[in-house]
Amino acid sequence: MNKLWIFVIVVAIIGGLQFANAQNSNLDMDLEVSDEEKIILFSGFAIAVIAIFMFLARDIILRKKTSYDKENLESKKDKTFEKYHSDWGDDYEDLGKRRNTKEEKEFRDAANSDELPNYYDIIGVSKDSSQDEIKTKFRELAKKTHPDKTREDSENEMAELNKAYEVLSDKDLREKYDRYLNVD
């Protein structure tokens, strides 16, 4: 890039000297520019304009092409790809449209595969139970099923009970869970 700038500067200086020499040779104040000098001036200005254009378009010229650039996709027409993959829009979010929290993804995936457990049934409460009722019922069940109390292999059952309590005791998580659970 430095060689290009040096070349542009040299051409501009030579063109300027030619122009100054053309004026000094005849002092009757008539500007006489020969065809050769016109060609030199025009080429100097053309090179300067091209250099300015290349400087302004350097990001487009030097950008790495991806497979997306080669394909003719619908998302290019409405700029969907750019909206979701641009560098400056990493924090872009349509309010009310996207639910991308870890818990919601987990609930959504489980609901889609019909593997979302009914945490209300696990704890043994109804869907409209209060936080105190859920807490009380959880403690009762935890005392009954804890592996240290029962001396049995109830670790999986206790883990499931803890997960149910974790979800139902948190107000926000419970709302997200209820969105994906179909309880009659």
Protein backbone atom coordinates (compact mmCIF):
# COMPACT_ATOMS: atom_id res chain seq x y z
CA MET A 1 0.00 0.00 0.00
CA ASN A 2 2.94 2.33 0.74
CA LYS A 3 4.37 1.84 -2.75
CA LEU A 4 1.05 2.88 -4.23
CA TRP A 5 1.02 6.09 -2.21
CA ILE A 6 4.62 6.87 -3.20
CA PHE A 7 3.70 6.34 -6.86
CA VAL A 8 0.66 8.64 -6.57
CA ILE A 9 2.73 11.36 -4.90
CA VAL A 10 5.50 11.12 -7.53
CA VAL A 11 2.95 11.36 -10.37
CA ALA A 12 1.31 14.38 -8.71
CA ILE A 13 4.69 16.15 -8.29
CA ILE A 14 5.73 15.44 -11.89
CA GLY A 15 2.36 16.67 -13.12
CA GLY A 16 2.66 19.80 -10.99
CA LEU A 17 6.19 20.51 -12.31
CA GLN A 18 5.03 20.04 -15.90
CA PHE A 19 2.16 22.41 -15.27
CA ALA A 20 4.47 25.01 -13.66
CA ASN A 21 7.02 24.67 -16.46
CA ALA A 22 4.29 25.20 -19.05
CA GLN A 23 3.32 28.49 -17.42
CA ASN A 24 6.87 29.77 -16.95
CA SER A 25 7.92 29.26 -20.56
CA ASN A 26 5.47 31.85 -21.84
CA LEU A 27 4.82 34.95 -19.76
CA ASP A 28 2.01 36.41 -21.85
CA MET A 29 -0.34 34.80 -19.29
CA ASP A 30 -2.02 32.59 -21.85
CA LEU A 31 -2.20 29.11 -20.53
CA GLU A 32 -0.86 26.76 -23.10
CA VAL A 33 -1.03 23.10 -22.31
CA SER A 34 0.22 20.65 -24.84
CA ASP A 35 -1.48 17.35 -25.55
CA GLU A 36 1.26 15.46 -23.72
CA GLU A 37 0.79 17.64 -20.64
CA LYS A 38 -2.98 17.11 -20.78
CA ILE A 39 -2.44 13.36 -20.86
CA ILE A 40 -0.07 13.56 -17.89
CA LEU A 41 -2.50 15.74 -15.92
CA PHE A 42 -5.50 13.58 -16.75
CA SER A 43 -3.66 10.37 -15.84
CA GLY A 44 -2.48 11.92 -12.57
CA PHE A 45 -5.98 12.93 -11.59
CA ALA A 46 -7.37 9.57 -12.70
CA ILE A 47 -4.81 7.75 -10.55
CA ALA A 48 -5.66 10.02 -7.60
CA VAL A 49 -9.40 9.34 -7.99
CA ILE A 50 -8.79 5.59 -8.27
CA ALA A 51 -6.54 5.68 -5.19
CA ILE A 52 -9.20 7.55 -3.19
CA PHE A 53 -11.87 5.09 -4.34
CA MET A 54 -9.72 2.10 -3.38
CA PHE A 55 -8.99 3.63 0.01
CA LEU A 56 -12.68 4.14 0.70
CA ALA A 57 -13.62 0.67 -0.59
CA ARG A 58 -10.77 -1.21 1.10
CA ASP A 59 -13.08 -3.07 3.52
CA ILE A 60 -15.24 -4.37 0.68
CA ILE A 61 -12.25 -5.32 -1.47
CA LEU A 62 -10.27 -7.08 1.28
CA ARG A 63 -13.24 -8.83 2.96
CA LYS A 64 -13.05 -12.61 2.94
CA LYS A 65 -15.75 -14.18 0.84
CA THR A 66 -17.91 -16.88 2.41
CA SER A 67 -20.14 -19.57 0.97
CA TYR A 68 -23.08 -17.29 1.78
CA ASP A 69 -21.73 -14.67 -0.66
CA LYS A 70 -21.67 -17.17 -3.53
CA GLU A 71 -25.26 -18.34 -3.14
CA ASN A 72 -28.35 -16.46 -4.27
CA LEU A 73 -30.54 -16.67 -1.19
CA GLU A 74 -33.79 -14.99 -0.21
CA SER A 75 -32.25 -13.69 3.01
CA LYS A 76 -29.92 -11.46 0.97
CA LYS A 77 -32.89 -9.58 -0.43
CA ASP A 78 -34.35 -8.57 2.94
CA LYS A 79 -30.98 -8.44 4.73
CA THR A 80 -31.95 -11.11 7.28
CA PHE A 81 -28.46 -12.61 7.32
CA GLU A 82 -26.82 -9.25 7.96
CA LYS A 83 -29.28 -8.45 10.74
CA TYR A 84 -28.35 -11.57 12.67
CA HIS A 85 -24.67 -11.93 11.71
CA SER A 86 -23.27 -8.41 11.61
CA ASP A 87 -20.49 -7.39 13.98
CA TRP A 88 -22.23 -4.33 15.37
CA GLY A 89 -25.57 -6.02 15.97
CA ASP A 90 -24.45 -8.76 18.34
CA ASP A 91 -26.81 -7.47 20.98
CA TYR A 92 -29.72 -7.04 18.55
CA GLU A 93 -32.97 -8.51 19.79
CA ASP A 94 -36.56 -8.10 18.71
CA LEU A 95 -38.35 -7.54 21.96
CA GLY A 96 -41.03 -10.12 22.54
CA LYS A 97 -39.88 -12.26 19.63
CA ARG A 98 -36.82 -14.16 20.79
CA ARG A 99 -36.64 -16.43 23.82
CA ASN A 100 -33.08 -17.60 23.90
CA THR A 101 -32.33 -18.14 27.55
CA LYS A 102 -30.74 -21.43 28.52
CA GLU A 103 -33.79 -22.51 30.52
CA GLU A 104 -36.26 -21.66 27.77
CA LYS A 105 -34.20 -23.57 25.22
CA GLU A 106 -34.13 -26.55 27.58
CA PHE A 107 -37.91 -26.36 28.17
CA ARG A 108 -38.63 -25.85 24.47
CA ASP A 109 -36.46 -28.80 23.41
CA ALA A 110 -37.98 -31.07 26.05
CA ALA A 111 -41.52 -29.99 25.15
CA ASN A 112 -40.89 -30.60 21.44
CA SER A 113 -39.64 -34.12 22.13
CA ASP A 114 -42.45 -34.84 24.65
CA GLU A 115 -39.88 -35.35 27.40
CA LEU A 116 -40.77 -32.32 29.55
CA PRO A 117 -41.48 -33.72 33.01
CA ASN A 118 -44.45 -32.44 34.95
CA TYR A 119 -42.75 -30.88 37.95
CA TYR A 120 -46.11 -30.25 39.63
CA ASP A 121 -46.79 -34.00 39.66
CA ILE A 122 -43.27 -34.77 40.87
CA ILE A 123 -43.69 -32.52 43.91
CA GLY A 124 -47.37 -33.37 44.25
CA VAL A 125 -48.95 -29.92 44.05
CA SER A 126 -51.44 -28.26 41.72
CA LYS A 127 -50.48 -25.69 39.10
CA ASP A 128 -51.97 -22.81 41.10
CA SER A 129 -50.10 -23.67 44.33
CA SER A 130 -48.34 -20.93 46.24
CA GLN A 131 -44.61 -20.80 46.89
CA ASP A 132 -45.14 -21.82 50.53
CA GLU A 133 -47.16 -24.90 49.55
CA ILE A 134 -44.48 -25.94 47.06
CA LYS A 135 -41.73 -25.42 49.66
CA THR A 136 -43.59 -27.42 52.33
CA LYS A 137 -44.38 -30.32 50.01
CA PHE A 138 -40.79 -30.38 48.69
CA ARG A 139 -39.37 -30.62 52.20
CA GLU A 140 -41.71 -33.49 53.07
CA LEU A 141 -40.70 -35.41 49.94
CA ALA A 142 -37.01 -34.61 50.41
CA LYS A 143 -37.09 -36.11 53.89
CA LYS A 144 -38.73 -39.27 52.55
CA THR A 145 -36.57 -39.76 49.45
CA HIS A 146 -33.13 -38.49 50.50
CA PRO A 147 -30.51 -41.22 49.90
CA ASP A 148 -29.05 -40.78 53.41
CA LYS A 149 -32.48 -41.36 54.99
CA THR A 150 -33.70 -44.27 52.86
CA ARG A 151 -30.39 -46.09 52.39
CA GLU A 152 -31.57 -46.92 48.89
CA ASP A 153 -30.58 -45.86 45.39
CA SER A 154 -32.84 -42.83 45.30
CA GLU A 155 -30.27 -40.38 43.94
CA ASN A 156 -32.02 -40.03 40.56
CA GLU A 157 -35.36 -39.49 42.24
CA MET A 158 -33.82 -36.87 44.55
CA ALA A 159 -32.13 -35.12 41.63
CA GLU A 160 -35.47 -34.98 39.80
CA LEU A 161 -37.16 -33.62 42.92
CA ASN A 162 -34.45 -30.95 43.33
CA LYS A 163 -34.80 -29.91 39.68
CA ALA A 164 -38.59 -29.65 40.09
CA TYR A 165 -38.20 -27.50 43.19
CA GLU A 166 -35.53 -25.36 41.53
CA VAL A 167 -37.88 -24.56 38.65
CA LEU A 168 -41.10 -24.12 40.62
CA SER A 169 -39.60 -22.08 43.46
CA ASP A 170 -38.20 -19.42 41.12
CA LYS A 171 -40.97 -17.14 39.86
CA ASP A 172 -39.36 -16.38 36.47
CA LEU A 173 -38.39 -19.98 35.80
CA ARG A 174 -41.88 -21.13 36.75
CA GLU A 175 -43.43 -18.70 34.24
CA LYS A 176 -41.10 -19.96 31.49
CA TYR A 177 -41.85 -23.57 32.44
CA ASP A 178 -45.61 -23.00 32.45
CA ARG A 179 -45.39 -21.59 28.93
CA TYR A 180 -44.15 -24.93 27.61
CA LEU A 181 -46.09 -27.28 29.87
CA ASN A 182 -49.58 -28.38 28.89
CA VAL A 183 -51.28 -28.99 32.23
CA ASP A 184 -55.05 -29.36 32.30
